[in-house]
Amino acid sequence: YEEARAECAASGAALVAPRSAEENAFVECLMGVAPHAWLGMRRAPGSDAWAREDGSTLAGGDFAAWAEGQPREPPGTDRGDCAGFYAGQWIAADCDSPETFVCERAGPLGARA
């Protein structure tokens, strides 16, 4: 997760964190046949709350695409503190797992790209 985050930051971007069903579907299309990817969200330290890379937290009325039973700790780990993307759904994942990733950055007039 940290390597993916750093690579996005080096290009002036951040890990993608979909905020709507449309953005989530777009990321799913970008992923193609890749099985997993990192999302720009982490579990806040010592909490069950999730926060995006920009520091905003995932609130009750916000778009979320958690898979059934998620977020939860992944098997064989203490916690899944990073958010992963799998087949259009979000999962809690061990932050040290090697995954692919999608970056996003602000476009003209602050539009996300």
PDB file of N, CA and C in Angstrom:
ATOM      1  N   TYR A   1       0.824  -1.193   0.000  1.00  0.00           N
ATOM      2  CA  TYR A   1       0.000   0.000   0.000  1.00  0.00           C
ATOM      3  C   TYR A   1       0.865   1.253   0.000  1.00  0.00           C
ATOM      4  N   GLU A   2       1.846   1.282   0.888  1.00  0.00           N
ATOM      5  CA  GLU A   2       2.684   2.479   0.987  1.00  0.00           C
ATOM      6  C   GLU A   2       3.482   2.721  -0.288  1.00  0.00           C
ATOM      7  N   GLU A   3       3.958   1.657  -0.929  1.00  0.00           N
ATOM      8  CA  GLU A   3       4.687   1.815  -2.193  1.00  0.00           C
ATOM      9  C   GLU A   3       3.775   2.361  -3.286  1.00  0.00           C
ATOM     10  N   ALA A   4       2.553   1.857  -3.365  1.00  0.00           N
ATOM     11  CA  ALA A   4       1.594   2.343  -4.357  1.00  0.00           C
ATOM     12  C   ALA A   4       1.261   3.810  -4.091  1.00  0.00           C
ATOM     13  N   ARG A   5       1.039   4.124  -2.839  1.00  0.00           N
ATOM     14  CA  ARG A   5       0.732   5.505  -2.437  1.00  0.00           C
ATOM     15  C   ARG A   5       1.873   6.446  -2.827  1.00  0.00           C
ATOM     16  N   ALA A   6       3.117   6.027  -2.568  1.00  0.00           N
ATOM     17  CA  ALA A   6       4.277   6.852  -2.892  1.00  0.00           C
ATOM     18  C   ALA A   6       4.434   7.030  -4.403  1.00  0.00           C
ATOM     19  N   GLU A   7       4.166   5.976  -5.157  1.00  0.00           N
ATOM     20  CA  GLU A   7       4.286   6.080  -6.616  1.00  0.00           C
ATOM     21  C   GLU A   7       3.252   7.053  -7.183  1.00  0.00           C
ATOM     22  N   CYS A   8       2.038   7.013  -6.664  1.00  0.00           N
ATOM     23  CA  CYS A   8       1.018   7.979  -7.095  1.00  0.00           C
ATOM     24  C   CYS A   8       1.452   9.395  -6.731  1.00  0.00           C
ATOM     25  N   ALA A   9       1.913   9.575  -5.497  1.00  0.00           N
ATOM     26  CA  ALA A   9       2.325  10.903  -5.031  1.00  0.00           C
ATOM     27  C   ALA A   9       3.466  11.460  -5.875  1.00  0.00           C
ATOM     28  N   ALA A  10       4.379  10.603  -6.318  1.00  0.00           N
ATOM     29  CA  ALA A  10       5.510  11.047  -7.132  1.00  0.00           C
ATOM     30  C   ALA A  10       5.057  11.628  -8.469  1.00  0.00           C
ATOM     31  N   SER A  11       3.872  11.238  -8.916  1.00  0.00           N
ATOM     32  CA  SER A  11       3.349  11.781 -10.173  1.00  0.00           C
ATOM     33  C   SER A  11       2.267  12.840  -9.924  1.00  0.00           C
ATOM     34  N   GLY A  12       2.202  13.343  -8.681  1.00  0.00           N
ATOM     35  CA  GLY A  12       1.231  14.388  -8.348  1.00  0.00           C
ATOM     36  C   GLY A  12      -0.185  13.883  -8.212  1.00  0.00           C
ATOM     37  N   ALA A  13      -0.328  12.621  -7.863  1.00  0.00           N
ATOM     38  CA  ALA A  13      -1.655  12.005  -7.777  1.00  0.00           C
ATOM     39  C   ALA A  13      -1.811  11.309  -6.422  1.00  0.00           C
ATOM     40  N   ALA A  14      -2.933  10.636  -6.254  1.00  0.00           N
ATOM     41  CA  ALA A  14      -3.224   9.859  -5.051  1.00  0.00           C
ATOM     42  C   ALA A  14      -3.913   8.565  -5.468  1.00  0.00           C
ATOM     43  N   LEU A  15      -3.888   7.575  -4.601  1.00  0.00           N
ATOM     44  CA  LEU A  15      -4.631   6.350  -4.883  1.00  0.00           C
ATOM     45  C   LEU A  15      -6.107   6.694  -5.059  1.00  0.00           C
ATOM     46  N   VAL A  16      -6.740   6.062  -6.006  1.00  0.00           N
ATOM     47  CA  VAL A  16      -8.141   6.348  -6.301  1.00  0.00           C
ATOM     48  C   VAL A  16      -9.029   5.939  -5.122  1.00  0.00           C
ATOM     49  N   ALA A  17     -10.052   6.753  -4.864  1.00  0.00           N
ATOM     50  CA  ALA A  17     -11.039   6.475  -3.820  1.00  0.00           C
ATOM     51  C   ALA A  17     -12.405   6.870  -4.372  1.00  0.00           C
ATOM     52  N   PRO A  18     -13.101   5.942  -5.034  1.00  0.00           N
ATOM     53  CA  PRO A  18     -14.380   6.280  -5.663  1.00  0.00           C
ATOM     54  C   PRO A  18     -15.373   6.902  -4.691  1.00  0.00           C
ATOM     55  N   ARG A  19     -16.055   7.948  -5.154  1.00  0.00           N
ATOM     56  CA  ARG A  19     -17.062   8.643  -4.337  1.00  0.00           C
ATOM     57  C   ARG A  19     -18.471   8.491  -4.892  1.00  0.00           C
ATOM     58  N   SER A  20     -18.605   7.675  -5.943  1.00  0.00           N
ATOM     59  CA  SER A  20     -19.931   7.439  -6.524  1.00  0.00           C
ATOM     60  C   SER A  20     -19.922   6.084  -7.230  1.00  0.00           C
ATOM     61  N   ALA A  21     -21.109   5.580  -7.505  1.00  0.00           N
ATOM     62  CA  ALA A  21     -21.228   4.314  -8.233  1.00  0.00           C
ATOM     63  C   ALA A  21     -20.606   4.438  -9.621  1.00  0.00           C
ATOM     64  N   GLU A  22     -20.721   5.616 -10.230  1.00  0.00           N
ATOM     65  CA  GLU A  22     -20.152   5.829 -11.558  1.00  0.00           C
ATOM     66  C   GLU A  22     -18.625   5.751 -11.517  1.00  0.00           C
ATOM     67  N   GLU A  23     -18.017   6.414 -10.530  1.00  0.00           N
ATOM     68  CA  GLU A  23     -16.561   6.350 -10.396  1.00  0.00           C
ATOM     69  C   GLU A  23     -16.114   4.923 -10.097  1.00  0.00           C
ATOM     70  N   ASN A  24     -16.851   4.225  -9.264  1.00  0.00           N
ATOM     71  CA  ASN A  24     -16.511   2.848  -8.930  1.00  0.00           C
ATOM     72  C   ASN A  24     -16.546   1.974 -10.182  1.00  0.00           C
ATOM     73  N   ALA A  25     -17.563   2.144 -11.010  1.00  0.00           N
ATOM     74  CA  ALA A  25     -17.674   1.374 -12.258  1.00  0.00           C
ATOM     75  C   ALA A  25     -16.530   1.718 -13.213  1.00  0.00           C
ATOM     76  N   PHE A  26     -16.127   2.999 -13.241  1.00  0.00           N
ATOM     77  CA  PHE A  26     -15.016   3.422 -14.085  1.00  0.00           C
ATOM     78  C   PHE A  26     -13.723   2.736 -13.645  1.00  0.00           C
ATOM     79  N   VAL A  27     -13.480   2.693 -12.351  1.00  0.00           N
ATOM     80  CA  VAL A  27     -12.281   2.021 -11.835  1.00  0.00           C
ATOM     81  C   VAL A  27     -12.335   0.537 -12.192  1.00  0.00           C
ATOM     82  N   GLU A  28     -13.494  -0.062 -12.073  1.00  0.00           N
ATOM     83  CA  GLU A  28     -13.631  -1.477 -12.419  1.00  0.00           C
ATOM     84  C   GLU A  28     -13.275  -1.702 -13.887  1.00  0.00           C
ATOM     85  N   CYS A  29     -13.685  -0.798 -14.761  1.00  0.00           N
ATOM     86  CA  CYS A  29     -13.334  -0.902 -16.185  1.00  0.00           C
ATOM     87  C   CYS A  29     -11.830  -0.749 -16.386  1.00  0.00           C
ATOM     88  N   LEU A  30     -11.222   0.183 -15.672  1.00  0.00           N
ATOM     89  CA  LEU A  30      -9.775   0.382 -15.784  1.00  0.00           C
ATOM     90  C   LEU A  30      -9.008  -0.863 -15.355  1.00  0.00           C
ATOM     91  N   MET A  31      -9.537  -1.549 -14.363  1.00  0.00           N
ATOM     92  CA  MET A  31      -8.848  -2.712 -13.819  1.00  0.00           C
ATOM     93  C   MET A  31      -8.808  -3.865 -14.817  1.00  0.00           C
ATOM     94  N   GLY A  32      -9.801  -3.965 -15.661  1.00  0.00           N
ATOM     95  CA  GLY A  32      -9.821  -5.061 -16.620  1.00  0.00           C
ATOM     96  C   GLY A  32      -9.790  -6.401 -15.923  1.00  0.00           C
ATOM     97  N   VAL A  33      -8.790  -7.196 -16.239  1.00  0.00           N
ATOM     98  CA  VAL A  33      -8.707  -8.542 -15.667  1.00  0.00           C
ATOM     99  C   VAL A  33      -7.809  -8.608 -14.435  1.00  0.00           C
ATOM    100  N   ALA A  34      -7.216  -7.484 -14.026  1.00  0.00           N
ATOM    101  CA  ALA A  34      -6.385  -7.490 -12.816  1.00  0.00           C
ATOM    102  C   ALA A  34      -7.263  -7.877 -11.624  1.00  0.00           C
ATOM    103  N   PRO A  35      -6.803  -8.812 -10.798  1.00  0.00           N
ATOM    104  CA  PRO A  35      -7.672  -9.310  -9.732  1.00  0.00           C
ATOM    105  C   PRO A  35      -7.909  -8.346  -8.575  1.00  0.00           C
ATOM    106  N   HIS A  36      -6.911  -7.588  -8.178  1.00  0.00           N
ATOM    107  CA  HIS A  36      -7.031  -6.722  -7.007  1.00  0.00           C
ATOM    108  C   HIS A  36      -6.314  -5.408  -7.253  1.00  0.00           C
ATOM    109  N   ALA A  37      -6.701  -4.385  -6.500  1.00  0.00           N
ATOM    110  CA  ALA A  37      -5.996  -3.097  -6.539  1.00  0.00           C
ATOM    111  C   ALA A  37      -6.183  -2.398  -5.202  1.00  0.00           C
ATOM    112  N   TRP A  38      -5.254  -1.510  -4.901  1.00  0.00           N
ATOM    113  CA  TRP A  38      -5.403  -0.688  -3.700  1.00  0.00           C
ATOM    114  C   TRP A  38      -6.350   0.464  -3.963  1.00  0.00           C
ATOM    115  N   LEU A  39      -7.119   0.823  -2.945  1.00  0.00           N
ATOM    116  CA  LEU A  39      -7.928   2.037  -2.954  1.00  0.00           C
ATOM    117  C   LEU A  39      -7.286   3.027  -1.992  1.00  0.00           C
ATOM    118  N   GLY A  40      -7.524   4.289  -2.194  1.00  0.00           N
ATOM    119  CA  GLY A  40      -6.944   5.321  -1.336  1.00  0.00           C
ATOM    120  C   GLY A  40      -7.732   5.524  -0.060  1.00  0.00           C
ATOM    121  N   MET A  41      -7.900   4.457   0.713  1.00  0.00           N
ATOM    122  CA  MET A  41      -8.597   4.528   1.997  1.00  0.00           C
ATOM    123  C   MET A  41      -7.913   3.612   2.990  1.00  0.00           C
ATOM    124  N   ARG A  42      -7.829   4.086   4.234  1.00  0.00           N
ATOM    125  CA  ARG A  42      -7.255   3.297   5.320  1.00  0.00           C
ATOM    126  C   ARG A  42      -8.155   3.389   6.538  1.00  0.00           C
ATOM    127  N   ARG A  43      -8.055   2.356   7.365  1.00  0.00           N
ATOM    128  CA  ARG A  43      -8.742   2.391   8.649  1.00  0.00           C
ATOM    129  C   ARG A  43      -7.963   3.352   9.541  1.00  0.00           C
ATOM    130  N   ALA A  44      -8.666   4.272  10.176  1.00  0.00           N
ATOM    131  CA  ALA A  44      -8.017   5.228  11.072  1.00  0.00           C
ATOM    132  C   ALA A  44      -7.373   4.464  12.222  1.00  0.00           C
ATOM    133  N   PRO A  45      -6.151   4.847  12.627  1.00  0.00           N
ATOM    134  CA  PRO A  45      -5.466   4.135  13.710  1.00  0.00           C
ATOM    135  C   PRO A  45      -6.319   4.043  14.972  1.00  0.00           C
ATOM    136  N   GLY A  46      -6.415   2.821  15.514  1.00  0.00           N
ATOM    137  CA  GLY A  46      -7.154   2.594  16.751  1.00  0.00           C
ATOM    138  C   GLY A  46      -8.653   2.765  16.622  1.00  0.00           C
ATOM    139  N   SER A  47      -9.175   2.653  15.395  1.00  0.00           N
ATOM    140  CA  SER A  47     -10.594   2.918  15.161  1.00  0.00           C
ATOM    141  C   SER A  47     -11.137   1.961  14.114  1.00  0.00           C
ATOM    142  N   ASP A  48     -12.448   1.931  13.998  1.00  0.00           N
ATOM    143  CA  ASP A  48     -13.069   1.192  12.905  1.00  0.00           C
ATOM    144  C   ASP A  48     -13.498   2.124  11.779  1.00  0.00           C
ATOM    145  N   ALA A  49     -13.201   3.428  11.920  1.00  0.00           N
ATOM    146  CA  ALA A  49     -13.554   4.410  10.888  1.00  0.00           C
ATOM    147  C   ALA A  49     -12.546   4.341   9.740  1.00  0.00           C
ATOM    148  N   TRP A  50     -13.027   4.611   8.541  1.00  0.00           N
ATOM    149  CA  TRP A  50     -12.179   4.606   7.347  1.00  0.00           C
ATOM    150  C   TRP A  50     -12.019   6.028   6.835  1.00  0.00           C
ATOM    151  N   ALA A  51     -10.800   6.360   6.391  1.00  0.00           N
ATOM    152  CA  ALA A  51     -10.510   7.704   5.883  1.00  0.00           C
ATOM    153  C   ALA A  51      -9.849   7.601   4.511  1.00  0.00           C
ATOM    154  N   ARG A  52     -10.188   8.564   3.659  1.00  0.00           N
ATOM    155  CA  ARG A  52      -9.572   8.642   2.330  1.00  0.00           C
ATOM    156  C   ARG A  52      -8.201   9.308   2.441  1.00  0.00           C
ATOM    157  N   GLU A  53      -7.430   9.205   1.381  1.00  0.00           N
ATOM    158  CA  GLU A  53      -6.097   9.812   1.345  1.00  0.00           C
ATOM    159  C   GLU A  53      -6.146  11.319   1.582  1.00  0.00           C
ATOM    160  N   ASP A  54      -7.243  11.967   1.203  1.00  0.00           N
ATOM    161  CA  ASP A  54      -7.343  13.422   1.403  1.00  0.00           C
ATOM    162  C   ASP A  54      -7.715  13.780   2.846  1.00  0.00           C
ATOM    163  N   GLY A  55      -7.863  12.769   3.700  1.00  0.00           N
ATOM    164  CA  GLY A  55      -8.177  12.994   5.103  1.00  0.00           C
ATOM    165  C   GLY A  55      -9.655  12.954   5.431  1.00  0.00           C
ATOM    166  N   SER A  56     -10.525  12.965   4.419  1.00  0.00           N
ATOM    167  CA  SER A  56     -11.963  12.906   4.684  1.00  0.00           C
ATOM    168  C   SER A  56     -12.341  11.487   5.116  1.00  0.00           C
ATOM    169  N   THR A  57     -13.265  11.403   6.051  1.00  0.00           N
ATOM    170  CA  THR A  57     -13.687  10.096   6.543  1.00  0.00           C
ATOM    171  C   THR A  57     -14.908   9.611   5.776  1.00  0.00           C
ATOM    172  N   LEU A  58     -15.071   8.318   5.759  1.00  0.00           N
ATOM    173  CA  LEU A  58     -16.223   7.694   5.128  1.00  0.00           C
ATOM    174  C   LEU A  58     -17.366   7.760   6.131  1.00  0.00           C
ATOM    175  N   ALA A  59     -18.338   8.610   5.868  1.00  0.00           N
ATOM    176  CA  ALA A  59     -19.473   8.792   6.775  1.00  0.00           C
ATOM    177  C   ALA A  59     -20.641   7.926   6.322  1.00  0.00           C
ATOM    178  N   GLY A  60     -21.636   7.812   7.184  1.00  0.00           N
ATOM    179  CA  GLY A  60     -22.786   6.952   6.930  1.00  0.00           C
ATOM    180  C   GLY A  60     -23.498   7.185   5.620  1.00  0.00           C
ATOM    181  N   GLY A  61     -23.618   8.422   5.163  1.00  0.00           N
ATOM    182  CA  GLY A  61     -24.342   8.697   3.928  1.00  0.00           C
ATOM    183  C   GLY A  61     -23.477   8.688   2.686  1.00  0.00           C
ATOM    184  N   ASP A  62     -22.164   8.473   2.847  1.00  0.00           N
ATOM    185  CA  ASP A  62     -21.252   8.481   1.704  1.00  0.00           C
ATOM    186  C   ASP A  62     -21.376   7.206   0.889  1.00  0.00           C
ATOM    187  N   PHE A  63     -21.032   7.308  -0.403  1.00  0.00           N
ATOM    188  CA  PHE A  63     -20.995   6.125  -1.248  1.00  0.00           C
ATOM    189  C   PHE A  63     -19.958   5.143  -0.698  1.00  0.00           C
ATOM    190  N   ALA A  64     -20.320   3.890  -0.669  1.00  0.00           N
ATOM    191  CA  ALA A  64     -19.394   2.821  -0.296  1.00  0.00           C
ATOM    192  C   ALA A  64     -19.804   1.569  -1.064  1.00  0.00           C
ATOM    193  N   ALA A  65     -18.832   0.764  -1.427  1.00  0.00           N
ATOM    194  CA  ALA A  65     -19.110  -0.457  -2.180  1.00  0.00           C
ATOM    195  C   ALA A  65     -18.452  -1.660  -1.505  1.00  0.00           C
ATOM    196  N   TRP A  66     -18.586  -1.728  -0.174  1.00  0.00           N
ATOM    197  CA  TRP A  66     -18.008  -2.846   0.551  1.00  0.00           C
ATOM    198  C   TRP A  66     -18.664  -4.156   0.130  1.00  0.00           C
ATOM    199  N   ALA A  67     -17.860  -5.179  -0.065  1.00  0.00           N
ATOM    200  CA  ALA A  67     -18.380  -6.515  -0.348  1.00  0.00           C
ATOM    201  C   ALA A  67     -19.136  -7.007   0.886  1.00  0.00           C
ATOM    202  N   GLU A  68     -20.003  -7.982   0.702  1.00  0.00           N
ATOM    203  CA  GLU A  68     -20.768  -8.515   1.821  1.00  0.00           C
ATOM    204  C   GLU A  68     -19.824  -8.986   2.930  1.00  0.00           C
ATOM    205  N   GLY A  69     -20.114  -8.575   4.166  1.00  0.00           N
ATOM    206  CA  GLY A  69     -19.292  -8.956   5.307  1.00  0.00           C
ATOM    207  C   GLY A  69     -18.048  -8.094   5.497  1.00  0.00           C
ATOM    208  N   GLN A  70     -17.867  -7.097   4.663  1.00  0.00           N
ATOM    209  CA  GLN A  70     -16.688  -6.221   4.742  1.00  0.00           C
ATOM    210  C   GLN A  70     -17.101  -4.867   5.292  1.00  0.00           C
ATOM    211  N   PRO A  71     -16.249  -4.066   5.846  1.00  0.00           N
ATOM    212  CA  PRO A  71     -14.838  -4.391   6.070  1.00  0.00           C
ATOM    213  C   PRO A  71     -14.652  -5.286   7.288  1.00  0.00           C
ATOM    214  N   ARG A  72     -13.684  -6.128   7.213  1.00  0.00           N
ATOM    215  CA  ARG A  72     -13.330  -7.015   8.330  1.00  0.00           C
ATOM    216  C   ARG A  72     -11.847  -7.314   8.230  1.00  0.00           C
ATOM    217  N   GLU A  73     -11.320  -7.961   9.244  1.00  0.00           N
ATOM    218  CA  GLU A  73      -9.926  -8.355   9.194  1.00  0.00           C
ATOM    219  C   GLU A  73      -9.761  -9.492   8.200  1.00  0.00           C
ATOM    220  N   PRO A  74      -8.738  -9.436   7.346  1.00  0.00           N
ATOM    221  CA  PRO A  74      -8.527 -10.547   6.414  1.00  0.00           C
ATOM    222  C   PRO A  74      -8.008 -11.778   7.138  1.00  0.00           C
ATOM    223  N   PRO A  75      -8.230 -12.974   6.580  1.00  0.00           N
ATOM    224  CA  PRO A  75      -7.779 -14.205   7.230  1.00  0.00           C
ATOM    225  C   PRO A  75      -6.279 -14.194   7.480  1.00  0.00           C
ATOM    226  N   GLY A  76      -5.871 -14.640   8.663  1.00  0.00           N
ATOM    227  CA  GLY A  76      -4.462 -14.782   8.982  1.00  0.00           C
ATOM    228  C   GLY A  76      -3.753 -13.496   9.367  1.00  0.00           C
ATOM    229  N   THR A  77      -4.488 -12.416   9.546  1.00  0.00           N
ATOM    230  CA  THR A  77      -3.852 -11.156   9.938  1.00  0.00           C
ATOM    231  C   THR A  77      -4.573 -10.591  11.145  1.00  0.00           C
ATOM    232  N   ASP A  78      -3.934  -9.658  11.815  1.00  0.00           N
ATOM    233  CA  ASP A  78      -4.562  -9.020  12.962  1.00  0.00           C
ATOM    234  C   ASP A  78      -5.668  -8.080  12.506  1.00  0.00           C
ATOM    235  N   ARG A  79      -5.414  -7.314  11.451  1.00  0.00           N
ATOM    236  CA  ARG A  79      -6.391  -6.348  10.941  1.00  0.00           C
ATOM    237  C   ARG A  79      -6.167  -6.131   9.463  1.00  0.00           C
ATOM    238  N   GLY A  80      -7.202  -5.739   8.785  1.00  0.00           N
ATOM    239  CA  GLY A  80      -7.082  -5.279   7.415  1.00  0.00           C
ATOM    240  C   GLY A  80      -7.262  -3.778   7.456  1.00  0.00           C
ATOM    241  N   ASP A  81      -6.177  -3.046   7.501  1.00  0.00           N
ATOM    242  CA  ASP A  81      -6.258  -1.600   7.681  1.00  0.00           C
ATOM    243  C   ASP A  81      -6.243  -0.807   6.381  1.00  0.00           C
ATOM    244  N   CYS A  82      -6.091  -1.469   5.245  1.00  0.00           N
ATOM    245  CA  CYS A  82      -6.092  -0.780   3.954  1.00  0.00           C
ATOM    246  C   CYS A  82      -7.247  -1.313   3.110  1.00  0.00           C
ATOM    247  N   ALA A  83      -7.782  -0.455   2.272  1.00  0.00           N
ATOM    248  CA  ALA A  83      -8.913  -0.850   1.435  1.00  0.00           C
ATOM    249  C   ALA A  83      -8.424  -1.330   0.080  1.00  0.00           C
ATOM    250  N   GLY A  84      -8.955  -2.465  -0.321  1.00  0.00           N
ATOM    251  CA  GLY A  84      -8.641  -3.016  -1.625  1.00  0.00           C
ATOM    252  C   GLY A  84      -9.878  -3.055  -2.499  1.00  0.00           C
ATOM    253  N   PHE A  85      -9.666  -3.204  -3.787  1.00  0.00           N
ATOM    254  CA  PHE A  85     -10.732  -3.241  -4.783  1.00  0.00           C
ATOM    255  C   PHE A  85     -10.694  -4.623  -5.417  1.00  0.00           C
ATOM    256  N   TYR A  86     -11.825  -5.302  -5.421  1.00  0.00           N
ATOM    257  CA  TYR A  86     -11.903  -6.634  -6.010  1.00  0.00           C
ATOM    258  C   TYR A  86     -13.227  -6.787  -6.729  1.00  0.00           C
ATOM    259  N   ALA A  87     -13.184  -6.928  -8.037  1.00  0.00           N
ATOM    260  CA  ALA A  87     -14.386  -7.142  -8.857  1.00  0.00           C
ATOM    261  C   ALA A  87     -15.473  -6.105  -8.568  1.00  0.00           C
ATOM    262  N   GLY A  88     -15.070  -4.840  -8.468  1.00  0.00           N
ATOM    263  CA  GLY A  88     -16.034  -3.766  -8.274  1.00  0.00           C
ATOM    264  C   GLY A  88     -16.463  -3.548  -6.839  1.00  0.00           C
ATOM    265  N   GLN A  89     -15.945  -4.363  -5.928  1.00  0.00           N
ATOM    266  CA  GLN A  89     -16.305  -4.224  -4.521  1.00  0.00           C
ATOM    267  C   GLN A  89     -15.068  -3.941  -3.687  1.00  0.00           C
ATOM    268  N   TRP A  90     -15.284  -3.358  -2.520  1.00  0.00           N
ATOM    269  CA  TRP A  90     -14.191  -2.994  -1.621  1.00  0.00           C
ATOM    270  C   TRP A  90     -14.029  -4.061  -0.553  1.00  0.00           C
ATOM    271  N   ILE A  91     -12.772  -4.315  -0.198  1.00  0.00           N
ATOM    272  CA  ILE A  91     -12.456  -5.269   0.854  1.00  0.00           C
ATOM    273  C   ILE A  91     -11.386  -4.685   1.775  1.00  0.00           C
ATOM    274  N   ALA A  92     -11.374  -5.112   3.023  1.00  0.00           N
ATOM    275  CA  ALA A  92     -10.302  -4.759   3.948  1.00  0.00           C
ATOM    276  C   ALA A  92      -9.149  -5.713   3.664  1.00  0.00           C
ATOM    277  N   ALA A  93      -7.944  -5.158   3.550  1.00  0.00           N
ATOM    278  CA  ALA A  93      -6.798  -5.982   3.189  1.00  0.00           C
ATOM    279  C   ALA A  93      -5.589  -5.635   4.041  1.00  0.00           C
ATOM    280  N   ASP A  94      -4.696  -6.590   4.173  1.00  0.00           N
ATOM    281  CA  ASP A  94      -3.421  -6.383   4.859  1.00  0.00           C
ATOM    282  C   ASP A  94      -2.608  -5.386   4.037  1.00  0.00           C
ATOM    283  N   CYS A  95      -2.148  -4.323   4.650  1.00  0.00           N
ATOM    284  CA  CYS A  95      -1.452  -3.235   3.945  1.00  0.00           C
ATOM    285  C   CYS A  95      -0.145  -3.670   3.304  1.00  0.00           C
ATOM    286  N   ASP A  96       0.389  -4.819   3.680  1.00  0.00           N
ATOM    287  CA  ASP A  96       1.650  -5.285   3.121  1.00  0.00           C
ATOM    288  C   ASP A  96       1.473  -6.194   1.912  1.00  0.00           C
ATOM    289  N   SER A  97       0.242  -6.486   1.531  1.00  0.00           N
ATOM    290  CA  SER A  97       0.003  -7.342   0.377  1.00  0.00           C
ATOM    291  C   SER A  97       0.412  -6.623  -0.911  1.00  0.00           C
ATOM    292  N   PRO A  98       1.075  -7.319  -1.830  1.00  0.00           N
ATOM    293  CA  PRO A  98       1.409  -6.679  -3.115  1.00  0.00           C
ATOM    294  C   PRO A  98       0.169  -6.630  -4.001  1.00  0.00           C
ATOM    295  N   GLU A  99      -0.201  -5.454  -4.425  1.00  0.00           N
ATOM    296  CA  GLU A  99      -1.383  -5.270  -5.272  1.00  0.00           C
ATOM    297  C   GLU A  99      -1.067  -4.237  -6.356  1.00  0.00           C
ATOM    298  N   THR A 100      -1.843  -4.259  -7.401  1.00  0.00           N
ATOM    299  CA  THR A 100      -1.756  -3.212  -8.401  1.00  0.00           C
ATOM    300  C   THR A 100      -2.515  -2.003  -7.861  1.00  0.00           C
ATOM    301  N   PHE A 101      -2.535  -0.907  -8.594  1.00  0.00           N
ATOM    302  CA  PHE A 101      -3.210   0.281  -8.096  1.00  0.00           C
ATOM    303  C   PHE A 101      -3.575   1.212  -9.246  1.00  0.00           C
ATOM    304  N   VAL A 102      -4.496   2.126  -8.961  1.00  0.00           N
ATOM    305  CA  VAL A 102      -4.924   3.158  -9.897  1.00  0.00           C
ATOM    306  C   VAL A 102      -4.766   4.489  -9.179  1.00  0.00           C
ATOM    307  N   CYS A 103      -4.144   5.449  -9.854  1.00  0.00           N
ATOM    308  CA  CYS A 103      -3.960   6.785  -9.286  1.00  0.00           C
ATOM    309  C   CYS A 103      -5.002   7.733  -9.875  1.00  0.00           C
ATOM    310  N   GLU A 104      -5.308   8.782  -9.122  1.00  0.00           N
ATOM    311  CA  GLU A 104      -6.174   9.849  -9.618  1.00  0.00           C
ATOM    312  C   GLU A 104      -5.554  11.178  -9.221  1.00  0.00           C
ATOM    313  N   ARG A 105      -5.837  12.197 -10.009  1.00  0.00           N
ATOM    314  CA  ARG A 105      -5.376  13.536  -9.647  1.00  0.00           C
ATOM    315  C   ARG A 105      -6.402  14.551 -10.098  1.00  0.00           C
ATOM    316  N   ALA A 106      -6.340  15.723  -9.478  1.00  0.00           N
ATOM    317  CA  ALA A 106      -7.279  16.793  -9.813  1.00  0.00           C
ATOM    318  C   ALA A 106      -6.992  17.283 -11.221  1.00  0.00           C
ATOM    319  N   GLY A 107      -8.036  17.532 -11.981  1.00  0.00           N
ATOM    320  CA  GLY A 107      -7.905  18.056 -13.326  1.00  0.00           C
ATOM    321  C   GLY A 107      -8.254  19.534 -13.324  1.00  0.00           C
ATOM    322  N   PRO A 108      -8.587  20.094 -14.476  1.00  0.00           N
ATOM    323  CA  PRO A 108      -8.954  21.510 -14.550  1.00  0.00           C
ATOM    324  C   PRO A 108     -10.114  21.845 -13.612  1.00  0.00           C
ATOM    325  N   LEU A 109     -10.022  22.970 -12.959  1.00  0.00           N
ATOM    326  CA  LEU A 109     -11.062  23.451 -12.056  1.00  0.00           C
ATOM    327  C   LEU A 109     -11.326  22.499 -10.912  1.00  0.00           C
ATOM    328  N   GLY A 110     -10.315  21.724 -10.546  1.00  0.00           N
ATOM    329  CA  GLY A 110     -10.453  20.824  -9.411  1.00  0.00           C
ATOM    330  C   GLY A 110     -11.198  19.542  -9.709  1.00  0.00           C
ATOM    331  N   ALA A 111     -11.538  19.298 -10.971  1.00  0.00           N
ATOM    332  CA  ALA A 111     -12.223  18.059 -11.316  1.00  0.00           C
ATOM    333  C   ALA A 111     -11.290  16.892 -11.083  1.00  0.00           C
ATOM    334  N   ARG A 112     -11.825  15.794 -10.622  1.00  0.00           N
ATOM    335  CA  ARG A 112     -10.996  14.614 -10.393  1.00  0.00           C
ATOM    336  C   ARG A 112     -10.827  13.875 -11.706  1.00  0.00           C
ATOM    337  N   ALA A 113      -9.646  13.341 -11.928  1.00  0.00           N
ATOM    338  CA  ALA A 113      -9.375  12.606 -13.162  1.00  0.00           C
ATOM    339  C   ALA A 113      -8.763  11.258 -12.839  1.00  0.00           C
TER     340      ALA A 113
END
